[in-house]
Amino acid sequence: MDTLIMPATRRDLPAIMEIEKQSFASPWDSLTMFLAMDDPQGRGTAAWLGRQLVGYCFAHATHDMVHILNLAVRPNCRRQGIARRLLNDLIAFSQGSGRLFVFLEVRTSNGEAKALYAGMGFRQVCTWRKYYQDTHEDAEIMIKGLT
């Protein structure tokens, strides 16, 4: 079954929050997720397998860049290319809107995510020390040029 990437809507919020809580030790709250979804400078997408929402991606565009804020896939649906599809959609959107690069931060300990991003052409440019408030873990800043 193909993954369908669609704009995230308010009615998707319960399923998105379920995935968020399954995916992160310190998940976003529903208000933060709602605000990201309604951001006029943002892009929020949901990945669907049949009738099940299986992943999402939220980003914010400003000036010549797009900042990936949040990306997650339902745990039992990982390693099926869903995150890659969500990222490819965001990259295509970013290129189509004339942005020059996409960037994100990722926990130093998140090897799977770092491997995915590196495999898609992101490169680490710096480390923000003690970035994550819950654990004081470092964040690696990764960037992908779009030109």
N, C-alpha and C. Protein backbone atom coordinates (compact mmCIF):
# COMPACT_ATOMS: atom_id res chain seq x y z
N MET A 1 0.85 -1.18 0.00
CA MET A 1 0.00 0.00 0.00
C MET A 1 0.89 1.24 0.00
N ASP A 2 0.58 2.22 -0.86
CA ASP A 2 1.35 3.44 -0.95
C ASP A 2 1.04 4.39 0.20
N THR A 3 2.05 5.15 0.59
CA THR A 3 1.88 6.20 1.58
C THR A 3 1.39 7.45 0.88
N LEU A 4 0.34 8.03 1.40
CA LEU A 4 -0.22 9.26 0.86
C LEU A 4 0.15 10.41 1.79
N ILE A 5 0.75 11.45 1.26
CA ILE A 5 1.13 12.63 2.04
C ILE A 5 0.11 13.72 1.77
N MET A 6 -0.53 14.19 2.85
CA MET A 6 -1.59 15.20 2.75
C MET A 6 -1.32 16.31 3.76
N PRO A 7 -1.89 17.50 3.55
CA PRO A 7 -1.79 18.53 4.59
C PRO A 7 -2.43 18.03 5.89
N ALA A 8 -1.78 18.30 6.99
CA ALA A 8 -2.34 17.95 8.30
C ALA A 8 -3.50 18.90 8.60
N THR A 9 -4.56 18.36 9.17
CA THR A 9 -5.73 19.17 9.52
C THR A 9 -6.04 19.02 11.00
N ARG A 10 -6.90 19.89 11.48
CA ARG A 10 -7.28 19.86 12.90
C ARG A 10 -7.87 18.51 13.30
N ARG A 11 -8.58 17.88 12.41
CA ARG A 11 -9.19 16.59 12.78
C ARG A 11 -8.13 15.49 12.92
N ASP A 12 -6.92 15.75 12.42
CA ASP A 12 -5.82 14.79 12.55
C ASP A 12 -5.14 14.88 13.91
N LEU A 13 -5.43 15.93 14.67
CA LEU A 13 -4.69 16.20 15.91
C LEU A 13 -4.69 15.03 16.89
N PRO A 14 -5.81 14.35 17.16
CA PRO A 14 -5.75 13.22 18.11
C PRO A 14 -4.76 12.12 17.67
N ALA A 15 -4.77 11.76 16.41
CA ALA A 15 -3.85 10.72 15.93
C ALA A 15 -2.40 11.22 15.97
N ILE A 16 -2.19 12.48 15.62
CA ILE A 16 -0.85 13.06 15.67
C ILE A 16 -0.34 13.06 17.11
N MET A 17 -1.19 13.44 18.05
CA MET A 17 -0.77 13.47 19.45
C MET A 17 -0.47 12.06 19.96
N GLU A 18 -1.20 11.08 19.51
CA GLU A 18 -0.92 9.69 19.90
C GLU A 18 0.48 9.28 19.44
N ILE A 19 0.81 9.58 18.19
CA ILE A 19 2.14 9.26 17.66
C ILE A 19 3.21 10.06 18.40
N GLU A 20 2.94 11.32 18.66
CA GLU A 20 3.88 12.18 19.37
C GLU A 20 4.23 11.57 20.74
N LYS A 21 3.23 11.15 21.46
CA LYS A 21 3.46 10.58 22.80
C LYS A 21 4.18 9.24 22.74
N GLN A 22 3.97 8.49 21.67
CA GLN A 22 4.67 7.21 21.49
C GLN A 22 6.12 7.41 21.06
N SER A 23 6.42 8.57 20.51
CA SER A 23 7.71 8.79 19.87
C SER A 23 8.72 9.56 20.70
N PHE A 24 8.26 10.37 21.63
CA PHE A 24 9.18 11.26 22.33
C PHE A 24 9.00 11.19 23.84
N ALA A 25 10.12 11.21 24.56
CA ALA A 25 10.09 11.20 26.02
C ALA A 25 9.47 12.50 26.55
N SER A 26 9.68 13.58 25.83
CA SER A 26 9.10 14.88 26.19
C SER A 26 8.28 15.39 25.01
N PRO A 27 7.08 14.84 24.84
CA PRO A 27 6.28 15.21 23.66
C PRO A 27 5.77 16.65 23.74
N TRP A 28 5.50 17.18 22.55
CA TRP A 28 4.81 18.47 22.49
C TRP A 28 3.43 18.30 23.10
N ASP A 29 2.89 19.38 23.65
CA ASP A 29 1.49 19.34 24.09
C ASP A 29 0.59 19.66 22.90
N SER A 30 -0.70 19.44 23.08
CA SER A 30 -1.62 19.60 21.94
C SER A 30 -1.72 21.06 21.50
N LEU A 31 -1.55 22.02 22.40
CA LEU A 31 -1.60 23.43 22.00
C LEU A 31 -0.41 23.76 21.10
N THR A 32 0.77 23.32 21.46
CA THR A 32 1.95 23.56 20.63
C THR A 32 1.76 22.94 19.25
N MET A 33 1.23 21.72 19.23
CA MET A 33 1.00 21.03 17.95
C MET A 33 -0.04 21.79 17.13
N PHE A 34 -1.10 22.24 17.78
CA PHE A 34 -2.15 23.00 17.10
C PHE A 34 -1.58 24.29 16.50
N LEU A 35 -0.75 24.99 17.26
CA LEU A 35 -0.16 26.23 16.77
C LEU A 35 0.77 25.97 15.58
N ALA A 36 1.52 24.89 15.62
CA ALA A 36 2.38 24.53 14.48
C ALA A 36 1.52 24.23 13.26
N MET A 37 0.40 23.58 13.49
CA MET A 37 -0.50 23.21 12.40
C MET A 37 -1.12 24.45 11.75
N ASP A 38 -1.38 25.47 12.54
CA ASP A 38 -2.03 26.68 12.05
C ASP A 38 -1.05 27.80 11.68
N ASP A 39 0.23 27.55 11.72
CA ASP A 39 1.25 28.55 11.42
C ASP A 39 1.14 28.97 9.95
N PRO A 40 0.85 30.26 9.68
CA PRO A 40 0.71 30.70 8.28
C PRO A 40 2.03 30.60 7.50
N GLN A 41 3.16 30.56 8.20
CA GLN A 41 4.46 30.40 7.55
C GLN A 41 4.95 28.94 7.65
N GLY A 42 4.04 28.08 8.08
CA GLY A 42 4.43 26.70 8.31
C GLY A 42 3.94 25.75 7.24
N ARG A 43 4.38 24.53 7.40
CA ARG A 43 3.92 23.43 6.55
C ARG A 43 3.75 22.24 7.47
N GLY A 44 2.57 21.71 7.50
CA GLY A 44 2.28 20.52 8.29
C GLY A 44 1.69 19.46 7.40
N THR A 45 2.30 18.29 7.40
CA THR A 45 1.81 17.21 6.57
C THR A 45 1.59 15.96 7.40
N ALA A 46 0.69 15.13 6.92
CA ALA A 46 0.38 13.86 7.56
C ALA A 46 0.57 12.75 6.52
N ALA A 47 1.12 11.64 6.97
CA ALA A 47 1.31 10.47 6.11
C ALA A 47 0.22 9.46 6.44
N TRP A 48 -0.40 8.94 5.41
CA TRP A 48 -1.50 7.98 5.56
C TRP A 48 -1.17 6.67 4.87
N LEU A 49 -1.44 5.59 5.55
CA LEU A 49 -1.44 4.25 4.95
C LEU A 49 -2.88 3.79 5.04
N GLY A 50 -3.56 3.77 3.93
CA GLY A 50 -4.99 3.47 3.96
C GLY A 50 -5.71 4.52 4.78
N ARG A 51 -6.46 4.08 5.78
CA ARG A 51 -7.22 5.03 6.63
C ARG A 51 -6.51 5.37 7.92
N GLN A 52 -5.24 4.95 8.06
CA GLN A 52 -4.51 5.20 9.30
C GLN A 52 -3.45 6.28 9.09
N LEU A 53 -3.50 7.30 9.95
CA LEU A 53 -2.46 8.31 9.97
C LEU A 53 -1.24 7.67 10.63
N VAL A 54 -0.11 7.64 9.92
CA VAL A 54 1.06 6.92 10.41
C VAL A 54 2.28 7.81 10.66
N GLY A 55 2.20 9.08 10.29
CA GLY A 55 3.34 9.97 10.52
C GLY A 55 2.97 11.40 10.21
N TYR A 56 3.87 12.29 10.61
CA TYR A 56 3.63 13.72 10.36
C TYR A 56 4.95 14.47 10.36
N CYS A 57 4.90 15.64 9.79
CA CYS A 57 6.06 16.53 9.76
C CYS A 57 5.55 17.97 9.84
N PHE A 58 6.17 18.76 10.69
CA PHE A 58 5.85 20.18 10.80
C PHE A 58 7.12 20.99 10.60
N ALA A 59 7.00 22.07 9.85
CA ALA A 59 8.15 22.93 9.57
C ALA A 59 7.69 24.38 9.53
N HIS A 60 8.65 25.27 9.67
CA HIS A 60 8.39 26.71 9.61
C HIS A 60 9.33 27.33 8.59
N ALA A 61 8.78 28.08 7.66
CA ALA A 61 9.57 28.75 6.62
C ALA A 61 9.78 30.21 6.99
N THR A 62 11.00 30.66 6.86
CA THR A 62 11.30 32.06 7.10
C THR A 62 12.50 32.45 6.23
N HIS A 63 12.43 33.63 5.68
CA HIS A 63 13.49 34.13 4.81
C HIS A 63 13.85 33.08 3.76
N ASP A 64 15.10 32.64 3.75
CA ASP A 64 15.54 31.70 2.73
C ASP A 64 15.70 30.28 3.26
N MET A 65 15.07 29.99 4.40
CA MET A 65 15.26 28.67 5.01
C MET A 65 13.95 28.08 5.51
N VAL A 66 13.98 26.77 5.69
CA VAL A 66 12.87 26.04 6.28
C VAL A 66 13.43 25.26 7.46
N HIS A 67 12.79 25.43 8.62
CA HIS A 67 13.22 24.76 9.85
C HIS A 67 12.26 23.60 10.12
N ILE A 68 12.77 22.39 10.10
CA ILE A 68 11.96 21.22 10.45
C ILE A 68 11.82 21.21 11.97
N LEU A 69 10.58 21.32 12.42
CA LEU A 69 10.30 21.41 13.84
C LEU A 69 10.02 20.06 14.49
N ASN A 70 9.34 19.20 13.77
CA ASN A 70 8.89 17.94 14.37
C ASN A 70 8.60 16.94 13.25
N LEU A 71 9.05 15.73 13.45
CA LEU A 71 8.83 14.65 12.49
C LEU A 71 8.74 13.36 13.29
N ALA A 72 7.70 12.59 13.06
CA ALA A 72 7.56 11.31 13.76
C ALA A 72 6.73 10.35 12.92
N VAL A 73 6.99 9.07 13.13
CA VAL A 73 6.26 7.99 12.47
C VAL A 73 5.81 7.01 13.55
N ARG A 74 4.59 6.52 13.40
CA ARG A 74 4.05 5.52 14.34
C ARG A 74 5.07 4.39 14.52
N PRO A 75 5.38 4.00 15.76
CA PRO A 75 6.44 3.01 15.99
C PRO A 75 6.31 1.72 15.16
N ASN A 76 5.12 1.18 15.01
CA ASN A 76 4.98 -0.08 14.26
C ASN A 76 5.04 0.12 12.75
N CYS A 77 5.20 1.36 12.30
CA CYS A 77 5.27 1.65 10.86
C CYS A 77 6.64 2.19 10.45
N ARG A 78 7.58 2.18 11.36
CA ARG A 78 8.91 2.70 11.04
C ARG A 78 9.66 1.74 10.13
N ARG A 79 10.70 2.29 9.49
CA ARG A 79 11.57 1.53 8.57
C ARG A 79 10.82 1.07 7.32
N GLN A 80 9.82 1.86 6.93
CA GLN A 80 9.07 1.57 5.71
C GLN A 80 9.17 2.73 4.72
N GLY A 81 10.04 3.70 4.99
CA GLY A 81 10.23 4.83 4.09
C GLY A 81 9.27 5.99 4.31
N ILE A 82 8.48 5.95 5.38
CA ILE A 82 7.48 7.00 5.61
C ILE A 82 8.14 8.32 5.96
N ALA A 83 9.12 8.30 6.85
CA ALA A 83 9.82 9.54 7.21
C ALA A 83 10.51 10.12 5.98
N ARG A 84 11.09 9.27 5.16
CA ARG A 84 11.74 9.73 3.93
C ARG A 84 10.73 10.40 3.00
N ARG A 85 9.54 9.82 2.89
CA ARG A 85 8.49 10.43 2.05
C ARG A 85 8.08 11.79 2.59
N LEU A 86 7.92 11.89 3.90
CA LEU A 86 7.56 13.17 4.52
C LEU A 86 8.66 14.21 4.26
N LEU A 87 9.90 13.81 4.42
CA LEU A 87 11.02 14.73 4.17
C LEU A 87 11.12 15.13 2.71
N ASN A 88 10.93 14.18 1.81
CA ASN A 88 10.97 14.51 0.37
C ASN A 88 9.88 15.50 0.01
N ASP A 89 8.70 15.34 0.59
CA ASP A 89 7.61 16.29 0.36
C ASP A 89 8.01 17.68 0.84
N LEU A 90 8.59 17.75 2.03
CA LEU A 90 8.99 19.04 2.58
C LEU A 90 10.10 19.67 1.75
N ILE A 91 11.05 18.87 1.30
CA ILE A 91 12.14 19.39 0.47
C ILE A 91 11.59 19.93 -0.85
N ALA A 92 10.67 19.20 -1.47
CA ALA A 92 10.06 19.67 -2.72
C ALA A 92 9.31 20.98 -2.50
N PHE A 93 8.55 21.07 -1.41
CA PHE A 93 7.85 22.31 -1.07
C PHE A 93 8.86 23.45 -0.90
N SER A 94 9.95 23.18 -0.17
CA SER A 94 10.96 24.20 0.11
C SER A 94 11.61 24.70 -1.17
N GLN A 95 11.95 23.78 -2.06
CA GLN A 95 12.54 24.17 -3.34
C GLN A 95 11.54 24.97 -4.17
N GLY A 96 10.29 24.52 -4.17
CA GLY A 96 9.26 25.20 -4.95
C GLY A 96 8.95 26.59 -4.46
N SER A 97 9.23 26.86 -3.19
CA SER A 97 8.97 28.19 -2.65
C SER A 97 10.22 29.05 -2.62
N GLY A 98 11.28 28.58 -3.29
CA GLY A 98 12.48 29.38 -3.44
C GLY A 98 13.41 29.42 -2.25
N ARG A 99 13.23 28.54 -1.30
CA ARG A 99 14.11 28.51 -0.14
C ARG A 99 15.47 27.94 -0.54
N LEU A 100 16.50 28.33 0.19
CA LEU A 100 17.86 27.91 -0.14
C LEU A 100 18.33 26.70 0.65
N PHE A 101 17.78 26.51 1.85
CA PHE A 101 18.19 25.34 2.63
C PHE A 101 17.12 24.95 3.65
N VAL A 102 17.24 23.73 4.13
CA VAL A 102 16.38 23.16 5.17
C VAL A 102 17.31 22.77 6.31
N PHE A 103 16.88 23.03 7.55
CA PHE A 103 17.71 22.61 8.67
C PHE A 103 16.85 22.05 9.79
N LEU A 104 17.51 21.36 10.71
CA LEU A 104 16.84 20.75 11.85
C LEU A 104 17.84 20.52 12.95
N GLU A 105 17.31 20.22 14.13
CA GLU A 105 18.15 19.78 15.22
C GLU A 105 17.72 18.37 15.60
N VAL A 106 18.70 17.56 16.00
CA VAL A 106 18.43 16.17 16.34
C VAL A 106 19.29 15.81 17.56
N ARG A 107 18.71 15.03 18.45
CA ARG A 107 19.46 14.60 19.63
C ARG A 107 20.71 13.84 19.21
N THR A 108 21.79 14.10 19.90
CA THR A 108 23.05 13.42 19.62
C THR A 108 22.88 11.90 19.70
N SER A 109 22.02 11.44 20.59
CA SER A 109 21.84 10.00 20.79
C SER A 109 20.93 9.34 19.76
N ASN A 110 20.28 10.11 18.89
CA ASN A 110 19.31 9.55 17.95
C ASN A 110 19.99 9.13 16.65
N GLY A 111 20.69 8.02 16.73
CA GLY A 111 21.46 7.53 15.59
C GLY A 111 20.63 7.21 14.37
N GLU A 112 19.45 6.63 14.57
CA GLU A 112 18.60 6.29 13.42
C GLU A 112 18.19 7.54 12.64
N ALA A 113 17.77 8.57 13.37
CA ALA A 113 17.36 9.81 12.70
C ALA A 113 18.55 10.46 12.00
N LYS A 114 19.69 10.50 12.66
CA LYS A 114 20.87 11.11 12.05
C LYS A 114 21.27 10.37 10.78
N ALA A 115 21.17 9.05 10.79
CA ALA A 115 21.49 8.26 9.59
C ALA A 115 20.51 8.56 8.46
N LEU A 116 19.22 8.67 8.78
CA LEU A 116 18.22 9.02 7.77
C LEU A 116 18.55 10.38 7.16
N TYR A 117 18.78 11.38 7.99
CA TYR A 117 19.05 12.73 7.48
C TYR A 117 20.33 12.75 6.65
N ALA A 118 21.38 12.10 7.14
CA ALA A 118 22.64 12.07 6.38
C ALA A 118 22.43 11.38 5.04
N GLY A 119 21.65 10.32 5.01
CA GLY A 119 21.37 9.61 3.78
C GLY A 119 20.57 10.42 2.78
N MET A 120 19.92 11.47 3.27
CA MET A 120 19.14 12.35 2.40
C MET A 120 19.90 13.63 2.07
N GLY A 121 21.17 13.69 2.42
CA GLY A 121 21.99 14.83 2.04
C GLY A 121 22.14 15.91 3.08
N PHE A 122 21.62 15.70 4.28
CA PHE A 122 21.84 16.67 5.35
C PHE A 122 23.25 16.45 5.89
N ARG A 123 23.88 17.54 6.32
CA ARG A 123 25.20 17.41 6.94
C ARG A 123 25.20 18.18 8.26
N GLN A 124 25.95 17.65 9.20
CA GLN A 124 26.04 18.32 10.50
C GLN A 124 26.92 19.55 10.38
N VAL A 125 26.43 20.68 10.91
CA VAL A 125 27.22 21.91 10.82
C VAL A 125 27.69 22.40 12.18
N CYS A 126 27.00 22.02 13.25
CA CYS A 126 27.43 22.42 14.59
C CYS A 126 26.66 21.63 15.63
N THR A 127 27.04 21.82 16.87
CA THR A 127 26.36 21.19 18.00
C THR A 127 25.94 22.28 18.96
N TRP A 128 24.69 22.21 19.39
CA TRP A 128 24.21 23.12 20.43
C TRP A 128 24.24 22.35 21.74
N ARG A 129 25.09 22.77 22.65
CA ARG A 129 25.30 22.09 23.92
C ARG A 129 24.07 22.22 24.82
N LYS A 130 23.71 21.13 25.43
CA LYS A 130 22.62 21.07 26.43
C LYS A 130 21.33 21.70 25.91
N TYR A 131 21.02 21.45 24.65
CA TYR A 131 19.86 22.07 23.98
C TYR A 131 18.53 21.58 24.54
N TYR A 132 18.41 20.29 24.78
CA TYR A 132 17.13 19.71 25.19
C TYR A 132 16.92 19.89 26.69
N GLN A 133 15.81 20.54 27.04
CA GLN A 133 15.55 20.89 28.43
C GLN A 133 15.31 19.67 29.32
N ASP A 134 14.72 18.61 28.75
CA ASP A 134 14.37 17.46 29.58
C ASP A 134 15.60 16.68 30.06
N THR A 135 16.62 16.56 29.23
CA THR A 135 17.80 15.76 29.58
C THR A 135 19.10 16.54 29.50
N HIS A 136 19.04 17.75 29.00
CA HIS A 136 20.22 18.59 28.77
C HIS A 136 21.18 17.96 27.74
N GLU A 137 20.60 17.12 26.90
CA GLU A 137 21.39 16.49 25.84
C GLU A 137 21.71 17.52 24.76
N ASP A 138 22.84 17.30 24.10
CA ASP A 138 23.23 18.16 22.98
C ASP A 138 22.34 17.90 21.77
N ALA A 139 22.22 18.91 20.93
CA ALA A 139 21.52 18.78 19.65
C ALA A 139 22.53 19.00 18.54
N GLU A 140 22.50 18.13 17.55
CA GLU A 140 23.31 18.32 16.36
C GLU A 140 22.46 19.07 15.35
N ILE A 141 23.00 20.13 14.81
CA ILE A 141 22.30 20.93 13.80
C ILE A 141 22.73 20.40 12.44
N MET A 142 21.73 20.01 11.65
CA MET A 142 21.97 19.44 10.33
C MET A 142 21.29 20.30 9.29
N ILE A 143 21.93 20.46 8.15
CA ILE A 143 21.43 21.34 7.10
C ILE A 143 21.53 20.65 5.74
N LYS A 144 20.60 21.00 4.86
CA LYS A 144 20.63 20.51 3.50
C LYS A 144 20.44 21.70 2.57
N GLY A 145 21.39 21.92 1.69
CA GLY A 145 21.27 22.98 0.69
C GLY A 145 20.30 22.55 -0.40
N LEU A 146 19.56 23.48 -0.96
CA LEU A 146 18.55 23.18 -1.97
C LEU A 146 18.89 23.72 -3.34
N THR A 147 20.04 24.33 -3.50
CA THR A 147 20.40 24.90 -4.81
C THR A 147 21.29 23.96 -5.58
